[in-house]
Amino acid sequence: MLPYTLPDLDYDFGALEPHISGAIMELHHGKHHAGYVKNANAIVGHLDDARATENLAHLAALERALAFNLSGHILHSIFWKNLVPRGGDRPDGDLARSIDRDFGSFDKFKRQLREVAATIMGSGWAALIWEPIGKRLLITQIYDHQSNLSQGGVPLMVVDAWEHAYYLQYQDRKTEFFEAVWRLWNWKDIAGRFEAARKLDFGLTAGPR
């Protein structure tokens, strides 16, 4: 089984300035994200050892730690792809139509995602997800990296609300950071994730719409 690896960025650390500083990007990618990758690989090794020795006394703690670190790796990997220099504006095509259908308008969607990010207690993420049973878009808070995400929900667009994502530049003005990222969204990437997620079929029946 291949180990998890830290993905390269598609742009230089300073390419998202002035909205996200190069210093933040270097620290965020090279220390925080790299740490989640290193820890996830180590925990997988500990789980392998636990099975081999049939010593399952610490299994619950290992499972929690893997969920935290692997989810951190996945969400950061999506976040880097969601951003692009000179991005922003708004989507078009099927994604735009689905946002209008499920949120009422793009402006209402934007306000909801921004408010969800701003009201996270402690550390976490705001995410636009595709819910494949109801076949609709939803917005959710993710506590830390792994809690409160609907089972089966596929993250398409994520906002990092951990302090390490913004504090060096914005300090306690986190809402300014949540506004700044709207000038960086890579709608081509988000639309591509949306198209892939829409192909999921769990063979389950949705409730009334």
N, C-alpha and C. Protein backbone atom coordinates (compact mmCIF):
# COMPACT_ATOMS: atom_id res chain seq x y z
N MET A 1 0.85 -1.19 0.00
CA MET A 1 0.00 0.00 0.00
C MET A 1 0.88 1.24 0.00
N LEU A 2 0.63 2.13 -0.93
CA LEU A 2 1.44 3.33 -1.05
C LEU A 2 1.23 4.25 0.14
N PRO A 3 2.28 4.90 0.62
CA PRO A 3 2.11 5.87 1.70
C PRO A 3 1.45 7.15 1.19
N TYR A 4 0.84 7.89 2.11
CA TYR A 4 0.30 9.20 1.77
C TYR A 4 1.46 10.16 1.54
N THR A 5 1.31 11.05 0.58
CA THR A 5 2.37 11.99 0.25
C THR A 5 1.83 13.41 0.24
N LEU A 6 2.70 14.36 0.56
CA LEU A 6 2.34 15.77 0.53
C LEU A 6 2.31 16.23 -0.93
N PRO A 7 1.17 16.71 -1.43
CA PRO A 7 1.11 17.15 -2.83
C PRO A 7 1.84 18.48 -3.02
N ASP A 8 2.46 18.62 -4.18
CA ASP A 8 3.03 19.92 -4.54
C ASP A 8 1.90 20.91 -4.84
N LEU A 9 2.17 22.18 -4.59
CA LEU A 9 1.22 23.22 -4.99
C LEU A 9 1.33 23.47 -6.49
N ASP A 10 0.24 23.92 -7.08
CA ASP A 10 0.24 24.25 -8.50
C ASP A 10 0.74 25.67 -8.77
N TYR A 11 1.18 26.36 -7.72
CA TYR A 11 1.61 27.75 -7.82
C TYR A 11 2.65 28.00 -6.73
N ASP A 12 3.40 29.09 -6.86
CA ASP A 12 4.40 29.46 -5.86
C ASP A 12 3.72 29.90 -4.57
N PHE A 13 4.47 29.85 -3.46
CA PHE A 13 3.91 30.24 -2.17
C PHE A 13 3.33 31.66 -2.21
N GLY A 14 4.00 32.56 -2.93
CA GLY A 14 3.56 33.95 -2.96
C GLY A 14 2.53 34.26 -4.02
N ALA A 15 2.08 33.27 -4.77
CA ALA A 15 1.21 33.53 -5.91
C ALA A 15 -0.19 33.99 -5.52
N LEU A 16 -0.61 33.74 -4.28
CA LEU A 16 -1.96 34.12 -3.86
C LEU A 16 -1.98 35.46 -3.15
N GLU A 17 -0.83 36.14 -3.07
CA GLU A 17 -0.80 37.47 -2.46
C GLU A 17 -1.55 38.46 -3.34
N PRO A 18 -2.14 39.50 -2.76
CA PRO A 18 -2.07 39.91 -1.35
C PRO A 18 -3.11 39.23 -0.46
N HIS A 19 -3.91 38.35 -1.03
CA HIS A 19 -5.03 37.79 -0.27
C HIS A 19 -4.57 36.77 0.77
N ILE A 20 -3.59 35.95 0.41
CA ILE A 20 -2.96 35.03 1.37
C ILE A 20 -1.45 35.19 1.19
N SER A 21 -0.76 35.51 2.26
CA SER A 21 0.66 35.81 2.16
C SER A 21 1.49 34.56 1.88
N GLY A 22 2.64 34.76 1.24
CA GLY A 22 3.54 33.66 0.98
C GLY A 22 4.04 33.00 2.25
N ALA A 23 4.23 33.79 3.30
CA ALA A 23 4.69 33.23 4.58
C ALA A 23 3.67 32.27 5.16
N ILE A 24 2.39 32.63 5.08
CA ILE A 24 1.34 31.73 5.55
C ILE A 24 1.31 30.46 4.71
N MET A 25 1.38 30.61 3.40
CA MET A 25 1.30 29.44 2.54
C MET A 25 2.46 28.48 2.80
N GLU A 26 3.65 29.02 2.98
CA GLU A 26 4.82 28.16 3.22
C GLU A 26 4.66 27.40 4.54
N LEU A 27 4.22 28.10 5.58
CA LEU A 27 4.03 27.47 6.88
C LEU A 27 2.86 26.49 6.83
N HIS A 28 1.78 26.88 6.21
CA HIS A 28 0.56 26.08 6.17
C HIS A 28 0.80 24.77 5.43
N HIS A 29 1.41 24.87 4.25
CA HIS A 29 1.66 23.69 3.43
C HIS A 29 2.83 22.86 3.97
N GLY A 30 3.92 23.53 4.26
CA GLY A 30 5.16 22.82 4.59
C GLY A 30 5.24 22.29 6.01
N LYS A 31 4.46 22.86 6.92
CA LYS A 31 4.49 22.40 8.31
C LYS A 31 3.17 21.71 8.70
N HIS A 32 2.06 22.43 8.59
CA HIS A 32 0.80 21.87 9.08
C HIS A 32 0.33 20.70 8.20
N HIS A 33 0.21 20.93 6.90
CA HIS A 33 -0.24 19.86 6.02
C HIS A 33 0.76 18.70 6.05
N ALA A 34 2.03 19.02 5.99
CA ALA A 34 3.04 17.95 6.02
C ALA A 34 2.94 17.13 7.30
N GLY A 35 2.60 17.78 8.39
CA GLY A 35 2.47 17.08 9.66
C GLY A 35 1.33 16.07 9.64
N TYR A 36 0.22 16.44 9.02
CA TYR A 36 -0.90 15.50 8.93
C TYR A 36 -0.53 14.29 8.08
N VAL A 37 0.20 14.50 7.01
CA VAL A 37 0.63 13.40 6.15
C VAL A 37 1.57 12.47 6.92
N LYS A 38 2.54 13.04 7.61
CA LYS A 38 3.49 12.22 8.38
C LYS A 38 2.76 11.42 9.45
N ASN A 39 1.86 12.05 10.15
CA ASN A 39 1.14 11.37 11.23
C ASN A 39 0.22 10.27 10.69
N ALA A 40 -0.45 10.55 9.58
CA ALA A 40 -1.34 9.53 9.00
C ALA A 40 -0.56 8.29 8.63
N ASN A 41 0.60 8.46 8.02
CA ASN A 41 1.42 7.31 7.65
C ASN A 41 1.88 6.54 8.89
N ALA A 42 2.26 7.27 9.93
CA ALA A 42 2.72 6.61 11.15
C ALA A 42 1.59 5.80 11.79
N ILE A 43 0.39 6.36 11.79
CA ILE A 43 -0.74 5.68 12.42
C ILE A 43 -1.13 4.43 11.64
N VAL A 44 -1.09 4.50 10.31
CA VAL A 44 -1.35 3.31 9.51
C VAL A 44 -0.35 2.21 9.89
N GLY A 45 0.90 2.59 10.11
CA GLY A 45 1.89 1.61 10.54
C GLY A 45 1.56 1.01 11.90
N HIS A 46 1.10 1.83 12.82
CA HIS A 46 0.71 1.33 14.14
C HIS A 46 -0.48 0.38 14.03
N LEU A 47 -1.43 0.68 13.14
CA LEU A 47 -2.57 -0.21 12.95
C LEU A 47 -2.13 -1.54 12.36
N ASP A 48 -1.18 -1.50 11.43
CA ASP A 48 -0.63 -2.74 10.88
C ASP A 48 0.00 -3.58 11.99
N ASP A 49 0.77 -2.93 12.86
CA ASP A 49 1.42 -3.64 13.96
C ASP A 49 0.39 -4.23 14.92
N ALA A 50 -0.67 -3.45 15.20
CA ALA A 50 -1.71 -3.92 16.12
C ALA A 50 -2.38 -5.18 15.59
N ARG A 51 -2.65 -5.21 14.30
CA ARG A 51 -3.27 -6.41 13.72
C ARG A 51 -2.31 -7.59 13.73
N ALA A 52 -1.05 -7.31 13.41
CA ALA A 52 -0.06 -8.40 13.35
C ALA A 52 0.17 -9.04 14.71
N THR A 53 0.17 -8.23 15.76
CA THR A 53 0.43 -8.73 17.11
C THR A 53 -0.85 -9.06 17.87
N GLU A 54 -2.00 -8.74 17.25
CA GLU A 54 -3.30 -8.92 17.90
C GLU A 54 -3.40 -8.17 19.23
N ASN A 55 -2.68 -7.07 19.30
CA ASN A 55 -2.75 -6.18 20.46
C ASN A 55 -3.64 -5.00 20.07
N LEU A 56 -4.92 -5.10 20.40
CA LEU A 56 -5.90 -4.10 19.97
C LEU A 56 -6.31 -3.16 21.09
N ALA A 57 -5.49 -3.09 22.14
CA ALA A 57 -5.86 -2.28 23.31
C ALA A 57 -6.00 -0.80 22.97
N HIS A 58 -5.23 -0.31 22.00
CA HIS A 58 -5.24 1.12 21.68
C HIS A 58 -5.93 1.39 20.33
N LEU A 59 -6.75 0.44 19.90
CA LEU A 59 -7.34 0.56 18.57
C LEU A 59 -8.23 1.78 18.44
N ALA A 60 -9.07 2.06 19.43
CA ALA A 60 -9.99 3.21 19.34
C ALA A 60 -9.23 4.52 19.20
N ALA A 61 -8.16 4.68 19.99
CA ALA A 61 -7.36 5.91 19.92
C ALA A 61 -6.67 6.03 18.56
N LEU A 62 -6.19 4.92 18.03
CA LEU A 62 -5.54 4.95 16.72
C LEU A 62 -6.55 5.31 15.62
N GLU A 63 -7.76 4.77 15.72
CA GLU A 63 -8.77 5.09 14.71
C GLU A 63 -9.13 6.58 14.74
N ARG A 64 -9.26 7.13 15.95
CA ARG A 64 -9.56 8.57 16.07
C ARG A 64 -8.42 9.41 15.51
N ALA A 65 -7.20 9.02 15.82
CA ALA A 65 -6.05 9.78 15.34
C ALA A 65 -5.93 9.70 13.83
N LEU A 66 -6.23 8.53 13.25
CA LEU A 66 -6.17 8.40 11.79
C LEU A 66 -7.24 9.27 11.14
N ALA A 67 -8.45 9.26 11.71
CA ALA A 67 -9.53 10.09 11.15
C ALA A 67 -9.13 11.56 11.15
N PHE A 68 -8.53 12.03 12.23
CA PHE A 68 -8.12 13.43 12.34
C PHE A 68 -7.05 13.77 11.31
N ASN A 69 -5.99 12.99 11.26
CA ASN A 69 -4.85 13.34 10.41
C ASN A 69 -5.12 13.07 8.93
N LEU A 70 -5.80 11.97 8.62
CA LEU A 70 -6.09 11.69 7.22
C LEU A 70 -7.10 12.69 6.67
N SER A 71 -8.10 13.05 7.48
CA SER A 71 -9.05 14.07 7.03
C SER A 71 -8.36 15.41 6.84
N GLY A 72 -7.41 15.75 7.72
CA GLY A 72 -6.64 16.97 7.55
C GLY A 72 -5.88 16.97 6.24
N HIS A 73 -5.29 15.84 5.90
CA HIS A 73 -4.56 15.71 4.63
C HIS A 73 -5.50 15.89 3.44
N ILE A 74 -6.65 15.23 3.48
CA ILE A 74 -7.59 15.30 2.36
C ILE A 74 -8.14 16.71 2.17
N LEU A 75 -8.58 17.33 3.27
CA LEU A 75 -9.18 18.67 3.15
C LEU A 75 -8.16 19.70 2.68
N HIS A 76 -6.93 19.63 3.19
CA HIS A 76 -5.91 20.57 2.71
C HIS A 76 -5.61 20.34 1.23
N SER A 77 -5.57 19.08 0.80
CA SER A 77 -5.29 18.79 -0.61
C SER A 77 -6.37 19.38 -1.50
N ILE A 78 -7.64 19.32 -1.05
CA ILE A 78 -8.73 19.95 -1.81
C ILE A 78 -8.59 21.46 -1.80
N PHE A 79 -8.26 22.02 -0.62
CA PHE A 79 -8.16 23.47 -0.47
C PHE A 79 -7.14 24.06 -1.43
N TRP A 80 -5.97 23.44 -1.55
CA TRP A 80 -4.94 23.98 -2.45
C TRP A 80 -5.43 23.98 -3.89
N LYS A 81 -6.17 22.94 -4.29
CA LYS A 81 -6.69 22.86 -5.66
C LYS A 81 -7.85 23.83 -5.87
N ASN A 82 -8.59 24.12 -4.80
CA ASN A 82 -9.72 25.06 -4.88
C ASN A 82 -9.27 26.50 -5.13
N LEU A 83 -8.00 26.80 -4.85
CA LEU A 83 -7.49 28.16 -4.96
C LEU A 83 -6.64 28.31 -6.21
N VAL A 84 -6.65 29.51 -6.76
CA VAL A 84 -5.85 29.79 -7.94
C VAL A 84 -5.55 31.29 -7.97
N PRO A 85 -4.33 31.69 -8.39
CA PRO A 85 -4.06 33.12 -8.54
C PRO A 85 -5.04 33.76 -9.53
N ARG A 86 -5.47 34.96 -9.19
CA ARG A 86 -6.40 35.70 -10.06
C ARG A 86 -7.68 34.89 -10.32
N GLY A 87 -8.16 34.23 -9.28
CA GLY A 87 -9.41 33.47 -9.39
C GLY A 87 -10.60 34.34 -8.99
N GLY A 88 -11.59 33.69 -8.41
CA GLY A 88 -12.76 34.43 -7.94
C GLY A 88 -13.88 34.45 -8.95
N ASP A 89 -14.57 35.57 -9.01
CA ASP A 89 -15.77 35.73 -9.84
C ASP A 89 -16.82 34.73 -9.37
N ARG A 90 -17.45 33.99 -10.28
CA ARG A 90 -18.49 33.04 -9.88
C ARG A 90 -18.56 31.93 -10.93
N PRO A 91 -19.15 30.79 -10.59
CA PRO A 91 -19.19 29.68 -11.54
C PRO A 91 -20.24 29.91 -12.62
N ASP A 92 -20.22 29.02 -13.61
CA ASP A 92 -21.26 29.02 -14.63
C ASP A 92 -21.71 27.59 -14.87
N GLY A 93 -22.54 27.37 -15.85
CA GLY A 93 -22.96 26.02 -16.22
C GLY A 93 -23.79 25.33 -15.15
N ASP A 94 -23.67 24.00 -15.11
CA ASP A 94 -24.49 23.19 -14.21
C ASP A 94 -24.24 23.52 -12.74
N LEU A 95 -23.01 23.82 -12.38
CA LEU A 95 -22.72 24.17 -10.98
C LEU A 95 -23.46 25.44 -10.59
N ALA A 96 -23.44 26.44 -11.43
CA ALA A 96 -24.15 27.69 -11.14
C ALA A 96 -25.65 27.44 -11.01
N ARG A 97 -26.20 26.64 -11.89
CA ARG A 97 -27.63 26.36 -11.83
C ARG A 97 -28.00 25.57 -10.57
N SER A 98 -27.13 24.65 -10.16
CA SER A 98 -27.40 23.89 -8.94
C SER A 98 -27.28 24.75 -7.70
N ILE A 99 -26.35 25.69 -7.69
CA ILE A 99 -26.25 26.63 -6.57
C ILE A 99 -27.52 27.47 -6.47
N ASP A 100 -28.00 27.96 -7.60
CA ASP A 100 -29.25 28.74 -7.59
C ASP A 100 -30.42 27.90 -7.09
N ARG A 101 -30.49 26.65 -7.52
CA ARG A 101 -31.59 25.77 -7.13
C ARG A 101 -31.55 25.46 -5.63
N ASP A 102 -30.37 25.13 -5.11
CA ASP A 102 -30.26 24.63 -3.74
C ASP A 102 -30.08 25.71 -2.69
N PHE A 103 -29.67 26.92 -3.10
CA PHE A 103 -29.46 28.00 -2.14
C PHE A 103 -30.27 29.25 -2.44
N GLY A 104 -30.94 29.29 -3.57
CA GLY A 104 -31.76 30.45 -3.91
C GLY A 104 -31.06 31.42 -4.83
N SER A 105 -29.77 31.62 -4.66
CA SER A 105 -28.97 32.49 -5.53
C SER A 105 -27.50 32.33 -5.14
N PHE A 106 -26.62 32.80 -6.00
CA PHE A 106 -25.19 32.75 -5.68
C PHE A 106 -24.89 33.61 -4.47
N ASP A 107 -25.50 34.78 -4.37
CA ASP A 107 -25.23 35.67 -3.24
C ASP A 107 -25.67 35.04 -1.92
N LYS A 108 -26.79 34.34 -1.92
CA LYS A 108 -27.23 33.65 -0.70
C LYS A 108 -26.28 32.51 -0.34
N PHE A 109 -25.82 31.79 -1.34
CA PHE A 109 -24.82 30.74 -1.12
C PHE A 109 -23.55 31.31 -0.52
N LYS A 110 -23.08 32.42 -1.07
CA LYS A 110 -21.85 33.04 -0.58
C LYS A 110 -22.00 33.48 0.87
N ARG A 111 -23.12 34.12 1.19
CA ARG A 111 -23.34 34.57 2.57
C ARG A 111 -23.40 33.39 3.54
N GLN A 112 -24.06 32.31 3.12
CA GLN A 112 -24.18 31.17 4.02
C GLN A 112 -22.82 30.52 4.26
N LEU A 113 -22.03 30.32 3.21
CA LEU A 113 -20.72 29.69 3.38
C LEU A 113 -19.81 30.55 4.25
N ARG A 114 -19.85 31.85 4.03
CA ARG A 114 -19.02 32.77 4.82
C ARG A 114 -19.45 32.77 6.29
N GLU A 115 -20.76 32.73 6.53
CA GLU A 115 -21.25 32.72 7.91
C GLU A 115 -20.95 31.40 8.60
N VAL A 116 -21.06 30.30 7.89
CA VAL A 116 -20.72 29.00 8.45
C VAL A 116 -19.26 28.97 8.87
N ALA A 117 -18.38 29.51 8.04
CA ALA A 117 -16.95 29.56 8.40
C ALA A 117 -16.72 30.46 9.61
N ALA A 118 -17.39 31.60 9.65
CA ALA A 118 -17.14 32.59 10.71
C ALA A 118 -17.65 32.13 12.07
N THR A 119 -18.63 31.22 12.10
CA THR A 119 -19.25 30.83 13.37
C THR A 119 -18.76 29.49 13.89
N ILE A 120 -17.71 28.95 13.29
CA ILE A 120 -17.13 27.72 13.81
C ILE A 120 -16.51 28.00 15.18
N MET A 121 -16.88 27.20 16.15
CA MET A 121 -16.33 27.33 17.50
C MET A 121 -15.03 26.54 17.57
N GLY A 122 -13.91 27.24 17.76
CA GLY A 122 -12.63 26.56 17.79
C GLY A 122 -12.08 26.36 16.39
N SER A 123 -11.61 25.16 16.09
CA SER A 123 -10.96 24.87 14.82
C SER A 123 -11.86 24.06 13.91
N GLY A 124 -11.76 24.31 12.62
CA GLY A 124 -12.59 23.55 11.69
C GLY A 124 -12.59 24.13 10.29
N TRP A 125 -13.57 23.69 9.52
CA TRP A 125 -13.69 24.07 8.12
C TRP A 125 -15.16 24.35 7.80
N ALA A 126 -15.39 25.15 6.79
CA ALA A 126 -16.69 25.23 6.14
C ALA A 126 -16.54 24.56 4.78
N ALA A 127 -17.59 23.84 4.37
CA ALA A 127 -17.47 23.08 3.13
C ALA A 127 -18.77 23.08 2.35
N LEU A 128 -18.63 23.24 1.04
CA LEU A 128 -19.71 22.94 0.11
C LEU A 128 -19.57 21.48 -0.25
N ILE A 129 -20.64 20.69 -0.02
CA ILE A 129 -20.57 19.27 -0.31
C ILE A 129 -21.70 18.87 -1.26
N TRP A 130 -21.49 17.76 -1.95
CA TRP A 130 -22.54 17.13 -2.73
C TRP A 130 -23.09 15.97 -1.91
N GLU A 131 -24.41 15.99 -1.68
CA GLU A 131 -25.06 14.93 -0.92
C GLU A 131 -25.72 13.99 -1.93
N PRO A 132 -25.16 12.79 -2.16
CA PRO A 132 -25.56 11.97 -3.30
C PRO A 132 -26.90 11.26 -3.14
N ILE A 133 -27.45 11.16 -1.93
CA ILE A 133 -28.75 10.52 -1.77
C ILE A 133 -29.86 11.48 -2.21
N GLY A 134 -29.83 12.70 -1.67
CA GLY A 134 -30.80 13.71 -2.09
C GLY A 134 -30.44 14.41 -3.38
N LYS A 135 -29.21 14.13 -3.88
CA LYS A 135 -28.71 14.75 -5.11
C LYS A 135 -28.83 16.27 -5.04
N ARG A 136 -28.18 16.83 -4.02
CA ARG A 136 -28.23 18.27 -3.84
C ARG A 136 -26.95 18.75 -3.19
N LEU A 137 -26.72 20.06 -3.29
CA LEU A 137 -25.60 20.71 -2.63
C LEU A 137 -26.01 21.11 -1.22
N LEU A 138 -25.08 20.96 -0.28
CA LEU A 138 -25.27 21.39 1.09
C LEU A 138 -24.01 22.11 1.56
N ILE A 139 -24.16 22.93 2.59
CA ILE A 139 -23.01 23.55 3.26
C ILE A 139 -22.96 23.01 4.67
N THR A 140 -21.77 22.68 5.14
CA THR A 140 -21.63 22.10 6.47
C THR A 140 -20.42 22.67 7.18
N GLN A 141 -20.48 22.66 8.51
CA GLN A 141 -19.30 22.91 9.33
C GLN A 141 -18.61 21.59 9.61
N ILE A 142 -17.30 21.59 9.56
CA ILE A 142 -16.52 20.41 9.91
C ILE A 142 -15.67 20.78 11.11
N TYR A 143 -15.95 20.21 12.25
CA TYR A 143 -15.16 20.50 13.45
C TYR A 143 -13.83 19.76 13.36
N ASP A 144 -12.74 20.46 13.72
CA ASP A 144 -11.39 19.94 13.50
C ASP A 144 -11.25 19.63 12.01
N HIS A 145 -11.06 18.35 11.65
CA HIS A 145 -10.99 17.98 10.24
C HIS A 145 -12.04 16.94 9.86
N GLN A 146 -12.70 16.34 10.84
CA GLN A 146 -13.44 15.12 10.52
C GLN A 146 -14.86 15.05 11.05
N SER A 147 -15.25 15.88 12.00
CA SER A 147 -16.56 15.73 12.61
C SER A 147 -17.61 16.58 11.91
N ASN A 148 -18.85 16.09 11.96
CA ASN A 148 -20.04 16.82 11.50
C ASN A 148 -20.18 16.87 9.99
N LEU A 149 -19.50 16.00 9.27
CA LEU A 149 -19.68 15.91 7.82
C LEU A 149 -20.66 14.78 7.54
N SER A 150 -21.69 15.07 6.75
CA SER A 150 -22.70 14.07 6.44
C SER A 150 -22.05 12.83 5.82
N GLN A 151 -22.45 11.66 6.30
CA GLN A 151 -21.92 10.42 5.74
C GLN A 151 -22.25 10.33 4.26
N GLY A 152 -21.24 10.12 3.44
CA GLY A 152 -21.44 10.07 2.00
C GLY A 152 -21.31 11.41 1.32
N GLY A 153 -21.35 12.50 2.09
CA GLY A 153 -21.20 13.83 1.50
C GLY A 153 -19.80 14.02 0.94
N VAL A 154 -19.70 14.55 -0.25
CA VAL A 154 -18.41 14.70 -0.95
C VAL A 154 -18.00 16.17 -0.92
N PRO A 155 -16.88 16.50 -0.25
CA PRO A 155 -16.44 17.90 -0.24
C PRO A 155 -16.02 18.37 -1.64
N LEU A 156 -16.56 19.50 -2.05
CA LEU A 156 -16.23 20.08 -3.35
C LEU A 156 -15.39 21.35 -3.20
N MET A 157 -15.67 22.11 -2.15
CA MET A 157 -15.10 23.45 -1.96
C MET A 157 -14.98 23.66 -0.47
N VAL A 158 -13.77 23.92 0.03
CA VAL A 158 -13.57 23.98 1.47
C VAL A 158 -12.86 25.27 1.87
N VAL A 159 -13.21 25.77 3.06
CA VAL A 159 -12.60 26.97 3.62
C VAL A 159 -11.95 26.59 4.94
N ASP A 160 -10.65 26.76 5.03
CA ASP A 160 -9.93 26.43 6.25
C ASP A 160 -10.16 27.52 7.28
N ALA A 161 -10.78 27.17 8.40
CA ALA A 161 -11.06 28.14 9.46
C ALA A 161 -10.17 27.93 10.69
N TRP A 162 -9.13 27.10 10.55
CA TRP A 162 -8.14 27.00 11.62
C TRP A 162 -7.32 28.29 11.67
N GLU A 163 -6.87 28.68 12.85
CA GLU A 163 -6.11 29.93 12.97
C GLU A 163 -4.84 29.93 12.14
N HIS A 164 -4.22 28.76 11.97
CA HIS A 164 -2.96 28.75 11.22
C HIS A 164 -3.15 29.15 9.75
N ALA A 165 -4.41 29.14 9.28
CA ALA A 165 -4.68 29.51 7.89
C ALA A 165 -4.63 31.01 7.65
N TYR A 166 -4.75 31.81 8.71
CA TYR A 166 -4.89 33.25 8.50
C TYR A 166 -4.20 34.13 9.54
N TYR A 167 -3.81 33.60 10.72
CA TYR A 167 -3.49 34.47 11.85
C TYR A 167 -2.26 35.35 11.60
N LEU A 168 -1.25 34.84 10.92
CA LEU A 168 -0.04 35.65 10.68
C LEU A 168 -0.35 36.91 9.90
N GLN A 169 -1.37 36.88 9.08
CA GLN A 169 -1.71 38.02 8.23
C GLN A 169 -2.92 38.80 8.74
N TYR A 170 -3.96 38.08 9.18
CA TYR A 170 -5.21 38.73 9.53
C TYR A 170 -5.44 38.82 11.04
N GLN A 171 -4.59 38.15 11.82
CA GLN A 171 -4.71 38.11 13.28
C GLN A 171 -6.14 37.69 13.67
N ASP A 172 -6.84 38.49 14.47
CA ASP A 172 -8.17 38.06 14.90
C ASP A 172 -9.27 38.52 13.94
N ARG A 173 -8.90 39.03 12.77
CA ARG A 173 -9.89 39.51 11.80
C ARG A 173 -10.19 38.40 10.78
N LYS A 174 -10.66 37.28 11.30
CA LYS A 174 -10.81 36.10 10.44
C LYS A 174 -11.87 36.31 9.35
N THR A 175 -12.86 37.16 9.61
CA THR A 175 -13.87 37.37 8.58
C THR A 175 -13.27 38.05 7.33
N GLU A 176 -12.20 38.83 7.52
CA GLU A 176 -11.51 39.42 6.38
C GLU A 176 -10.86 38.33 5.52
N PHE A 177 -10.32 37.32 6.17
CA PHE A 177 -9.75 36.19 5.43
C PHE A 177 -10.82 35.45 4.66
N PHE A 178 -11.97 35.20 5.30
CA PHE A 178 -13.05 34.49 4.63
C PHE A 178 -13.59 35.28 3.43
N GLU A 179 -13.49 36.59 3.49
CA GLU A 179 -13.89 37.41 2.34
C GLU A 179 -12.80 37.39 1.27
N ALA A 180 -11.53 37.39 1.69
CA ALA A 180 -10.42 37.44 0.74
C ALA A 180 -10.37 36.21 -0.16
N VAL A 181 -10.69 35.04 0.38
CA VAL A 181 -10.58 33.83 -0.43
C VAL A 181 -11.56 33.83 -1.60
N TRP A 182 -12.59 34.65 -1.55
CA TRP A 182 -13.52 34.71 -2.68
C TRP A 182 -12.88 35.31 -3.92
N ARG A 183 -11.71 35.89 -3.77
CA ARG A 183 -10.97 36.42 -4.93
C ARG A 183 -10.00 35.38 -5.49
N LEU A 184 -10.04 34.16 -4.92
CA LEU A 184 -9.07 33.13 -5.29
C LEU A 184 -9.71 31.82 -5.73
N TRP A 185 -11.02 31.71 -5.69
CA TRP A 185 -11.64 30.41 -5.97
C TRP A 185 -11.37 29.97 -7.40
N ASN A 186 -11.01 28.71 -7.52
CA ASN A 186 -10.78 28.07 -8.81
C ASN A 186 -12.06 27.33 -9.20
N TRP A 187 -12.98 28.04 -9.86
CA TRP A 187 -14.28 27.45 -10.16
C TRP A 187 -14.17 26.30 -11.14
N LYS A 188 -13.14 26.27 -11.96
CA LYS A 188 -12.94 25.13 -12.86
C LYS A 188 -12.69 23.86 -12.05
N ASP A 189 -11.86 23.96 -11.02
CA ASP A 189 -11.59 22.80 -10.16
C ASP A 189 -12.85 22.38 -9.42
N ILE A 190 -13.56 23.36 -8.84
CA ILE A 190 -14.77 23.05 -8.06
C ILE A 190 -15.83 22.42 -8.96
N ALA A 191 -15.99 22.94 -10.17
CA ALA A 191 -16.97 22.38 -11.10
C ALA A 191 -16.60 20.96 -11.50
N GLY A 192 -15.31 20.71 -11.66
CA GLY A 192 -14.87 19.36 -12.00
C GLY A 192 -15.18 18.37 -10.89
N ARG A 193 -15.00 18.78 -9.64
CA ARG A 193 -15.34 17.92 -8.50
C ARG A 193 -16.85 17.69 -8.45
N PHE A 194 -17.61 18.72 -8.76
CA PHE A 194 -19.06 18.61 -8.78
C PHE A 194 -19.51 17.60 -9.82
N GLU A 195 -18.96 17.66 -11.01
CA GLU A 195 -19.34 16.73 -12.07
C GLU A 195 -18.99 15.30 -11.69
N ALA A 196 -17.83 15.09 -11.08
CA ALA A 196 -17.44 13.74 -10.67
C ALA A 196 -18.34 13.22 -9.55
N ALA A 197 -18.66 14.08 -8.58
CA ALA A 197 -19.48 13.66 -7.44
C ALA A 197 -20.89 13.31 -7.87
N ARG A 198 -21.42 14.01 -8.87
CA ARG A 198 -22.80 13.75 -9.33
C ARG A 198 -22.98 12.36 -9.92
N LYS A 199 -21.88 11.69 -10.26
CA LYS A 199 -21.97 10.34 -10.83
C LYS A 199 -22.11 9.26 -9.76
N LEU A 200 -21.97 9.64 -8.49
CA LEU A 200 -22.11 8.67 -7.41
C LEU A 200 -23.56 8.21 -7.30
N ASP A 201 -23.72 6.92 -7.13
CA ASP A 201 -25.06 6.35 -6.93
C ASP A 201 -24.97 5.30 -5.83
N PHE A 202 -25.54 5.60 -4.67
CA PHE A 202 -25.48 4.69 -3.53
C PHE A 202 -26.61 3.67 -3.55
N GLY A 203 -27.51 3.78 -4.52
CA GLY A 203 -28.61 2.84 -4.58
C GLY A 203 -29.60 2.98 -3.44
N LEU A 204 -29.70 4.18 -2.88
CA LEU A 204 -30.60 4.45 -1.77
C LEU A 204 -31.64 5.48 -2.20
N THR A 205 -32.73 5.54 -1.49
CA THR A 205 -33.83 6.43 -1.84
C THR A 205 -33.77 7.70 -1.02
N ALA A 206 -33.89 8.82 -1.67
CA ALA A 206 -33.88 10.10 -0.99
C ALA A 206 -35.26 10.38 -0.41
N GLY A 207 -35.29 11.29 0.56
CA GLY A 207 -36.55 11.76 1.09
C GLY A 207 -37.20 12.73 0.13
N PRO A 208 -38.38 13.24 0.48
CA PRO A 208 -39.09 14.18 -0.40
C PRO A 208 -38.31 15.47 -0.56
N ARG A 209 -38.33 16.04 -1.74
CA ARG A 209 -37.69 17.33 -2.03
C ARG A 209 -38.76 18.41 -2.15
